[in-house]
Amino acid sequence: MKTLLFAWLAMLPMSVVAVWLGHHVPDVLLPVAAILLLGLGKAWLIVLRFMELNHGPRLWQALLLGWPLVITSVILVLHATH
């Protein structure tokens, strides 16, 4: 129970900061990268804590943590070249 509470409490400020950055400086590369990194951190917390895959099969961990990493990379490349 403590782990879930910690994960939830960690995700709250991450969400607030991401929304704040998105409203104040949405078109600059550094804030976009920060927002995406916050999203990766939240994905990590969700996969390993809420879904309890920290002791699960490595393949599931790789798939569920790799997909947000791939999407984040694609978005960053597209945003940087725009």
PDB file of N, CA and C in Angstrom:
ATOM      1  N   MET A   1       0.821  -1.195   0.000  1.00  0.00           N
ATOM      2  CA  MET A   1       0.000   0.000   0.000  1.00  0.00           C
ATOM      3  C   MET A   1       0.869   1.265   0.000  1.00  0.00           C
ATOM      4  N   LYS A   2       1.979   1.241   0.743  1.00  0.00           N
ATOM      5  CA  LYS A   2       2.856   2.405   0.789  1.00  0.00           C
ATOM      6  C   LYS A   2       3.447   2.697  -0.581  1.00  0.00           C
ATOM      7  N   THR A   3       3.762   1.657  -1.329  1.00  0.00           N
ATOM      8  CA  THR A   3       4.353   1.839  -2.657  1.00  0.00           C
ATOM      9  C   THR A   3       3.378   2.530  -3.591  1.00  0.00           C
ATOM     10  N   LEU A   4       2.118   2.130  -3.555  1.00  0.00           N
ATOM     11  CA  LEU A   4       1.121   2.759  -4.417  1.00  0.00           C
ATOM     12  C   LEU A   4       0.884   4.205  -4.021  1.00  0.00           C
ATOM     13  N   LEU A   5       0.865   4.474  -2.735  1.00  0.00           N
ATOM     14  CA  LEU A   5       0.683   5.840  -2.260  1.00  0.00           C
ATOM     15  C   LEU A   5       1.862   6.710  -2.692  1.00  0.00           C
ATOM     16  N   PHE A   6       3.077   6.184  -2.562  1.00  0.00           N
ATOM     17  CA  PHE A   6       4.267   6.917  -3.004  1.00  0.00           C
ATOM     18  C   PHE A   6       4.202   7.186  -4.501  1.00  0.00           C
ATOM     19  N   ALA A   7       3.821   6.192  -5.279  1.00  0.00           N
ATOM     20  CA  ALA A   7       3.739   6.366  -6.733  1.00  0.00           C
ATOM     21  C   ALA A   7       2.686   7.413  -7.089  1.00  0.00           C
ATOM     22  N   TRP A   8       1.559   7.370  -6.428  1.00  0.00           N
ATOM     23  CA  TRP A   8       0.503   8.338  -6.696  1.00  0.00           C
ATOM     24  C   TRP A   8       0.943   9.740  -6.311  1.00  0.00           C
ATOM     25  N   LEU A   9       1.589   9.871  -5.163  1.00  0.00           N
ATOM     26  CA  LEU A   9       2.066  11.178  -4.720  1.00  0.00           C
ATOM     27  C   LEU A   9       3.185  11.706  -5.619  1.00  0.00           C
ATOM     28  N   ALA A  10       3.958  10.824  -6.199  1.00  0.00           N
ATOM     29  CA  ALA A  10       5.015  11.245  -7.119  1.00  0.00           C
ATOM     30  C   ALA A  10       4.427  11.686  -8.460  1.00  0.00           C
ATOM     31  N   MET A  11       3.330  11.047  -8.875  1.00  0.00           N
ATOM     32  CA  MET A  11       2.726  11.378 -10.156  1.00  0.00           C
ATOM     33  C   MET A  11       1.964  12.700 -10.122  1.00  0.00           C
ATOM     34  N   LEU A  12       1.474  13.106  -8.988  1.00  0.00           N
ATOM     35  CA  LEU A  12       0.730  14.367  -8.901  1.00  0.00           C
ATOM     36  C   LEU A  12       1.563  15.579  -9.321  1.00  0.00           C
ATOM     37  N   PRO A  13       2.723  15.809  -8.705  1.00  0.00           N
ATOM     38  CA  PRO A  13       3.498  16.977  -9.147  1.00  0.00           C
ATOM     39  C   PRO A  13       4.025  16.829 -10.575  1.00  0.00           C
ATOM     40  N   MET A  14       4.278  15.609 -11.002  1.00  0.00           N
ATOM     41  CA  MET A  14       4.736  15.403 -12.373  1.00  0.00           C
ATOM     42  C   MET A  14       3.652  15.856 -13.356  1.00  0.00           C
ATOM     43  N   SER A  15       2.415  15.547 -13.051  1.00  0.00           N
ATOM     44  CA  SER A  15       1.306  15.959 -13.913  1.00  0.00           C
ATOM     45  C   SER A  15       1.122  17.469 -13.893  1.00  0.00           C
ATOM     46  N   VAL A  16       1.192  18.064 -12.715  1.00  0.00           N
ATOM     47  CA  VAL A  16       1.017  19.510 -12.595  1.00  0.00           C
ATOM     48  C   VAL A  16       2.104  20.250 -13.368  1.00  0.00           C
ATOM     49  N   VAL A  17       3.345  19.819 -13.228  1.00  0.00           N
ATOM     50  CA  VAL A  17       4.450  20.467 -13.933  1.00  0.00           C
ATOM     51  C   VAL A  17       4.295  20.311 -15.440  1.00  0.00           C
ATOM     52  N   ALA A  18       3.890  19.140 -15.891  1.00  0.00           N
ATOM     53  CA  ALA A  18       3.720  18.913 -17.326  1.00  0.00           C
ATOM     54  C   ALA A  18       2.626  19.818 -17.890  1.00  0.00           C
ATOM     55  N   VAL A  19       1.514  19.945 -17.185  1.00  0.00           N
ATOM     56  CA  VAL A  19       0.432  20.818 -17.650  1.00  0.00           C
ATOM     57  C   VAL A  19       0.887  22.270 -17.639  1.00  0.00           C
ATOM     58  N   TRP A  20       1.589  22.674 -16.607  1.00  0.00           N
ATOM     59  CA  TRP A  20       2.071  24.059 -16.516  1.00  0.00           C
ATOM     60  C   TRP A  20       3.017  24.373 -17.671  1.00  0.00           C
ATOM     61  N   LEU A  21       3.952  23.478 -17.933  1.00  0.00           N
ATOM     62  CA  LEU A  21       4.890  23.684 -19.034  1.00  0.00           C
ATOM     63  C   LEU A  21       4.162  23.736 -20.375  1.00  0.00           C
ATOM     64  N   GLY A  22       3.173  22.893 -20.536  1.00  0.00           N
ATOM     65  CA  GLY A  22       2.425  22.860 -21.788  1.00  0.00           C
ATOM     66  C   GLY A  22       1.643  24.132 -22.047  1.00  0.00           C
ATOM     67  N   HIS A  23       1.207  24.795 -20.994  1.00  0.00           N
ATOM     68  CA  HIS A  23       0.435  26.029 -21.172  1.00  0.00           C
ATOM     69  C   HIS A  23       1.309  27.266 -21.303  1.00  0.00           C
ATOM     70  N   HIS A  24       2.502  27.235 -20.758  1.00  0.00           N
ATOM     71  CA  HIS A  24       3.318  28.443 -20.748  1.00  0.00           C
ATOM     72  C   HIS A  24       4.346  28.519 -21.873  1.00  0.00           C
ATOM     73  N   VAL A  25       4.948  27.435 -22.238  1.00  0.00           N
ATOM     74  CA  VAL A  25       5.941  27.434 -23.320  1.00  0.00           C
ATOM     75  C   VAL A  25       5.766  26.172 -24.169  1.00  0.00           C
ATOM     76  N   PRO A  26       4.689  26.110 -24.971  1.00  0.00           N
ATOM     77  CA  PRO A  26       4.385  24.859 -25.668  1.00  0.00           C
ATOM     78  C   PRO A  26       5.225  24.566 -26.910  1.00  0.00           C
ATOM     79  N   ASP A  27       5.891  25.583 -27.490  1.00  0.00           N
ATOM     80  CA  ASP A  27       6.548  25.349 -28.772  1.00  0.00           C
ATOM     81  C   ASP A  27       8.068  25.255 -28.716  1.00  0.00           C
ATOM     82  N   VAL A  28       8.658  25.417 -27.563  1.00  0.00           N
ATOM     83  CA  VAL A  28      10.111  25.374 -27.440  1.00  0.00           C
ATOM     84  C   VAL A  28      10.529  23.929 -27.166  1.00  0.00           C
ATOM     85  N   LEU A  29      11.647  23.512 -27.738  1.00  0.00           N
ATOM     86  CA  LEU A  29      12.055  22.105 -27.666  1.00  0.00           C
ATOM     87  C   LEU A  29      12.342  21.635 -26.243  1.00  0.00           C
ATOM     88  N   LEU A  30      13.011  22.440 -25.439  1.00  0.00           N
ATOM     89  CA  LEU A  30      13.378  21.994 -24.089  1.00  0.00           C
ATOM     90  C   LEU A  30      12.157  21.701 -23.211  1.00  0.00           C
ATOM     91  N   PRO A  31      11.146  22.567 -23.157  1.00  0.00           N
ATOM     92  CA  PRO A  31       9.965  22.213 -22.369  1.00  0.00           C
ATOM     93  C   PRO A  31       9.214  20.999 -22.924  1.00  0.00           C
ATOM     94  N   VAL A  32       9.197  20.868 -24.239  1.00  0.00           N
ATOM     95  CA  VAL A  32       8.548  19.687 -24.825  1.00  0.00           C
ATOM     96  C   VAL A  32       9.284  18.428 -24.395  1.00  0.00           C
ATOM     97  N   ALA A  33      10.602  18.472 -24.419  1.00  0.00           N
ATOM     98  CA  ALA A  33      11.403  17.328 -23.969  1.00  0.00           C
ATOM     99  C   ALA A  33      11.154  17.047 -22.488  1.00  0.00           C
ATOM    100  N   ALA A  34      11.042  18.093 -21.680  1.00  0.00           N
ATOM    101  CA  ALA A  34      10.774  17.903 -20.247  1.00  0.00           C
ATOM    102  C   ALA A  34       9.409  17.269 -20.033  1.00  0.00           C
ATOM    103  N   ILE A  35       8.405  17.726 -20.794  1.00  0.00           N
ATOM    104  CA  ILE A  35       7.060  17.148 -20.675  1.00  0.00           C
ATOM    105  C   ILE A  35       7.085  15.669 -21.045  1.00  0.00           C
ATOM    106  N   LEU A  36       7.792  15.346 -22.118  1.00  0.00           N
ATOM    107  CA  LEU A  36       7.867  13.948 -22.550  1.00  0.00           C
ATOM    108  C   LEU A  36       8.633  13.088 -21.541  1.00  0.00           C
ATOM    109  N   LEU A  37       9.675  13.638 -20.953  1.00  0.00           N
ATOM    110  CA  LEU A  37      10.416  12.889 -19.931  1.00  0.00           C
ATOM    111  C   LEU A  37       9.563  12.675 -18.683  1.00  0.00           C
ATOM    112  N   LEU A  38       8.752  13.661 -18.336  1.00  0.00           N
ATOM    113  CA  LEU A  38       7.819  13.472 -17.222  1.00  0.00           C
ATOM    114  C   LEU A  38       6.824  12.366 -17.553  1.00  0.00           C
ATOM    115  N   GLY A  39       6.375  12.331 -18.789  1.00  0.00           N
ATOM    116  CA  GLY A  39       5.481  11.260 -19.225  1.00  0.00           C
ATOM    117  C   GLY A  39       6.141   9.891 -19.146  1.00  0.00           C
ATOM    118  N   LEU A  40       7.425   9.834 -19.505  1.00  0.00           N
ATOM    119  CA  LEU A  40       8.159   8.568 -19.374  1.00  0.00           C
ATOM    120  C   LEU A  40       8.276   8.145 -17.912  1.00  0.00           C
ATOM    121  N   GLY A  41       8.515   9.110 -17.043  1.00  0.00           N
ATOM    122  CA  GLY A  41       8.582   8.797 -15.612  1.00  0.00           C
ATOM    123  C   GLY A  41       7.256   8.275 -15.091  1.00  0.00           C
ATOM    124  N   LYS A  42       6.178   8.882 -15.552  1.00  0.00           N
ATOM    125  CA  LYS A  42       4.858   8.411 -15.132  1.00  0.00           C
ATOM    126  C   LYS A  42       4.573   7.020 -15.688  1.00  0.00           C
ATOM    127  N   ALA A  43       4.986   6.767 -16.928  1.00  0.00           N
ATOM    128  CA  ALA A  43       4.803   5.431 -17.507  1.00  0.00           C
ATOM    129  C   ALA A  43       5.578   4.397 -16.702  1.00  0.00           C
ATOM    130  N   TRP A  44       6.789   4.755 -16.296  1.00  0.00           N
ATOM    131  CA  TRP A  44       7.604   3.847 -15.488  1.00  0.00           C
ATOM    132  C   TRP A  44       6.897   3.529 -14.160  1.00  0.00           C
ATOM    133  N   LEU A  45       6.371   4.557 -13.509  1.00  0.00           N
ATOM    134  CA  LEU A  45       5.659   4.330 -12.244  1.00  0.00           C
ATOM    135  C   LEU A  45       4.424   3.461 -12.446  1.00  0.00           C
ATOM    136  N   ILE A  46       3.686   3.711 -13.503  1.00  0.00           N
ATOM    137  CA  ILE A  46       2.467   2.938 -13.749  1.00  0.00           C
ATOM    138  C   ILE A  46       2.798   1.478 -14.023  1.00  0.00           C
ATOM    139  N   VAL A  47       3.781   1.253 -14.884  1.00  0.00           N
ATOM    140  CA  VAL A  47       4.121  -0.124 -15.260  1.00  0.00           C
ATOM    141  C   VAL A  47       4.703  -0.899 -14.086  1.00  0.00           C
ATOM    142  N   LEU A  48       5.655  -0.300 -13.393  1.00  0.00           N
ATOM    143  CA  LEU A  48       6.355  -1.048 -12.351  1.00  0.00           C
ATOM    144  C   LEU A  48       5.626  -1.054 -11.007  1.00  0.00           C
ATOM    145  N   ARG A  49       4.851  -0.024 -10.716  1.00  0.00           N
ATOM    146  CA  ARG A  49       4.196   0.043  -9.408  1.00  0.00           C
ATOM    147  C   ARG A  49       2.725  -0.346  -9.463  1.00  0.00           C
ATOM    148  N   PHE A  50       1.945   0.362 -10.293  1.00  0.00           N
ATOM    149  CA  PHE A  50       0.517   0.084 -10.324  1.00  0.00           C
ATOM    150  C   PHE A  50       0.211  -1.258 -10.975  1.00  0.00           C
ATOM    151  N   MET A  51       0.932  -1.580 -12.061  1.00  0.00           N
ATOM    152  CA  MET A  51       0.719  -2.861 -12.723  1.00  0.00           C
ATOM    153  C   MET A  51       1.537  -3.973 -12.080  1.00  0.00           C
ATOM    154  N   GLU A  52       2.411  -3.609 -11.144  1.00  0.00           N
ATOM    155  CA  GLU A  52       3.242  -4.548 -10.382  1.00  0.00           C
ATOM    156  C   GLU A  52       4.068  -5.469 -11.270  1.00  0.00           C
ATOM    157  N   LEU A  53       4.660  -4.892 -12.309  1.00  0.00           N
ATOM    158  CA  LEU A  53       5.509  -5.685 -13.189  1.00  0.00           C
ATOM    159  C   LEU A  53       6.975  -5.615 -12.803  1.00  0.00           C
ATOM    160  N   ASN A  54       7.286  -5.029 -11.642  1.00  0.00           N
ATOM    161  CA  ASN A  54       8.684  -4.967 -11.223  1.00  0.00           C
ATOM    162  C   ASN A  54       9.261  -6.361 -10.965  1.00  0.00           C
ATOM    163  N   HIS A  55       8.415  -7.330 -10.674  1.00  0.00           N
ATOM    164  CA  HIS A  55       8.876  -8.714 -10.511  1.00  0.00           C
ATOM    165  C   HIS A  55       8.339  -9.604 -11.632  1.00  0.00           C
ATOM    166  N   GLY A  56       7.798  -8.979 -12.647  1.00  0.00           N
ATOM    167  CA  GLY A  56       7.211  -9.733 -13.756  1.00  0.00           C
ATOM    168  C   GLY A  56       8.244 -10.133 -14.783  1.00  0.00           C
ATOM    169  N   PRO A  57       7.766 -10.768 -15.843  1.00  0.00           N
ATOM    170  CA  PRO A  57       8.675 -11.198 -16.913  1.00  0.00           C
ATOM    171  C   PRO A  57       9.366 -10.009 -17.572  1.00  0.00           C
ATOM    172  N   ARG A  58      10.639 -10.194 -17.885  1.00  0.00           N
ATOM    173  CA  ARG A  58      11.435  -9.129 -18.493  1.00  0.00           C
ATOM    174  C   ARG A  58      10.882  -8.712 -19.854  1.00  0.00           C
ATOM    175  N   LEU A  59      10.293  -9.639 -20.585  1.00  0.00           N
ATOM    176  CA  LEU A  59       9.734  -9.310 -21.886  1.00  0.00           C
ATOM    177  C   LEU A  59       8.600  -8.293 -21.741  1.00  0.00           C
ATOM    178  N   TRP A  60       7.713  -8.509 -20.782  1.00  0.00           N
ATOM    179  CA  TRP A  60       6.611  -7.563 -20.557  1.00  0.00           C
ATOM    180  C   TRP A  60       7.147  -6.210 -20.108  1.00  0.00           C
ATOM    181  N   GLN A  61       8.134  -6.226 -19.260  1.00  0.00           N
ATOM    182  CA  GLN A  61       8.732  -4.961 -18.817  1.00  0.00           C
ATOM    183  C   GLN A  61       9.327  -4.217 -20.007  1.00  0.00           C
ATOM    184  N   ALA A  62      10.057  -4.936 -20.839  1.00  0.00           N
ATOM    185  CA  ALA A  62      10.694  -4.310 -21.997  1.00  0.00           C
ATOM    186  C   ALA A  62       9.652  -3.756 -22.964  1.00  0.00           C
ATOM    187  N   LEU A  63       8.591  -4.498 -23.200  1.00  0.00           N
ATOM    188  CA  LEU A  63       7.556  -4.034 -24.118  1.00  0.00           C
ATOM    189  C   LEU A  63       6.806  -2.825 -23.568  1.00  0.00           C
ATOM    190  N   LEU A  64       6.413  -2.906 -22.316  1.00  0.00           N
ATOM    191  CA  LEU A  64       5.600  -1.834 -21.744  1.00  0.00           C
ATOM    192  C   LEU A  64       6.409  -0.591 -21.386  1.00  0.00           C
ATOM    193  N   LEU A  65       7.707  -0.721 -21.210  1.00  0.00           N
ATOM    194  CA  LEU A  65       8.546   0.458 -20.989  1.00  0.00           C
ATOM    195  C   LEU A  65       9.199   0.924 -22.282  1.00  0.00           C
ATOM    196  N   GLY A  66       9.363   0.022 -23.232  1.00  0.00           N
ATOM    197  CA  GLY A  66       9.979   0.382 -24.504  1.00  0.00           C
ATOM    198  C   GLY A  66       9.054   1.170 -25.415  1.00  0.00           C
ATOM    199  N   TRP A  67       7.765   0.840 -25.383  1.00  0.00           N
ATOM    200  CA  TRP A  67       6.819   1.529 -26.247  1.00  0.00           C
ATOM    201  C   TRP A  67       6.761   3.036 -25.952  1.00  0.00           C
ATOM    202  N   PRO A  68       6.610   3.470 -24.698  1.00  0.00           N
ATOM    203  CA  PRO A  68       6.633   4.918 -24.444  1.00  0.00           C
ATOM    204  C   PRO A  68       7.969   5.557 -24.835  1.00  0.00           C
ATOM    205  N   LEU A  69       9.051   4.829 -24.695  1.00  0.00           N
ATOM    206  CA  LEU A  69      10.353   5.355 -25.087  1.00  0.00           C
ATOM    207  C   LEU A  69      10.424   5.570 -26.601  1.00  0.00           C
ATOM    208  N   VAL A  70       9.899   4.632 -27.352  1.00  0.00           N
ATOM    209  CA  VAL A  70       9.881   4.763 -28.817  1.00  0.00           C
ATOM    210  C   VAL A  70       9.006   5.938 -29.230  1.00  0.00           C
ATOM    211  N   ILE A  71       7.814   6.046 -28.667  1.00  0.00           N
ATOM    212  CA  ILE A  71       6.893   7.122 -29.016  1.00  0.00           C
ATOM    213  C   ILE A  71       7.490   8.479 -28.640  1.00  0.00           C
ATOM    214  N   THR A  72       8.108   8.558 -27.465  1.00  0.00           N
ATOM    215  CA  THR A  72       8.747   9.802 -27.034  1.00  0.00           C
ATOM    216  C   THR A  72       9.859  10.198 -28.001  1.00  0.00           C
ATOM    217  N   SER A  73      10.651   9.245 -28.408  1.00  0.00           N
ATOM    218  CA  SER A  73      11.741   9.526 -29.348  1.00  0.00           C
ATOM    219  C   SER A  73      11.197  10.030 -30.680  1.00  0.00           C
ATOM    220  N   VAL A  74      10.157   9.403 -31.167  1.00  0.00           N
ATOM    221  CA  VAL A  74       9.550   9.816 -32.443  1.00  0.00           C
ATOM    222  C   VAL A  74       9.007  11.240 -32.331  1.00  0.00           C
ATOM    223  N   ILE A  75       8.305  11.533 -31.251  1.00  0.00           N
ATOM    224  CA  ILE A  75       7.743  12.877 -31.068  1.00  0.00           C
ATOM    225  C   ILE A  75       8.860  13.915 -30.981  1.00  0.00           C
ATOM    226  N   LEU A  76       9.913  13.600 -30.233  1.00  0.00           N
ATOM    227  CA  LEU A  76      11.025  14.554 -30.118  1.00  0.00           C
ATOM    228  C   LEU A  76      11.699  14.810 -31.459  1.00  0.00           C
ATOM    229  N   VAL A  77      11.917  13.771 -32.232  1.00  0.00           N
ATOM    230  CA  VAL A  77      12.535  13.934 -33.555  1.00  0.00           C
ATOM    231  C   VAL A  77      11.632  14.750 -34.464  1.00  0.00           C
ATOM    232  N   LEU A  78      10.340  14.448 -34.468  1.00  0.00           N
ATOM    233  CA  LEU A  78       9.420  15.203 -35.305  1.00  0.00           C
ATOM    234  C   LEU A  78       9.328  16.662 -34.873  1.00  0.00           C
ATOM    235  N   HIS A  79       9.331  16.898 -33.576  1.00  0.00           N
ATOM    236  CA  HIS A  79       9.253  18.271 -33.076  1.00  0.00           C
ATOM    237  C   HIS A  79      10.540  19.035 -33.374  1.00  0.00           C
ATOM    238  N   ALA A  80      11.667  18.380 -33.277  1.00  0.00           N
ATOM    239  CA  ALA A  80      12.946  19.036 -33.532  1.00  0.00           C
ATOM    240  C   ALA A  80      13.121  19.374 -35.013  1.00  0.00           C
ATOM    241  N   THR A  81      12.555  18.573 -35.888  1.00  0.00           N
ATOM    242  CA  THR A  81      12.710  18.827 -37.319  1.00  0.00           C
ATOM    243  C   THR A  81      11.622  19.740 -37.863  1.00  0.00           C
ATOM    244  N   HIS A  82      10.663  20.081 -37.070  1.00  0.00           N
ATOM    245  CA  HIS A  82       9.542  20.918 -37.523  1.00  0.00           C
ATOM    246  C   HIS A  82       9.906  22.350 -37.587  1.00  0.00           C
TER     247      HIS A  82
END
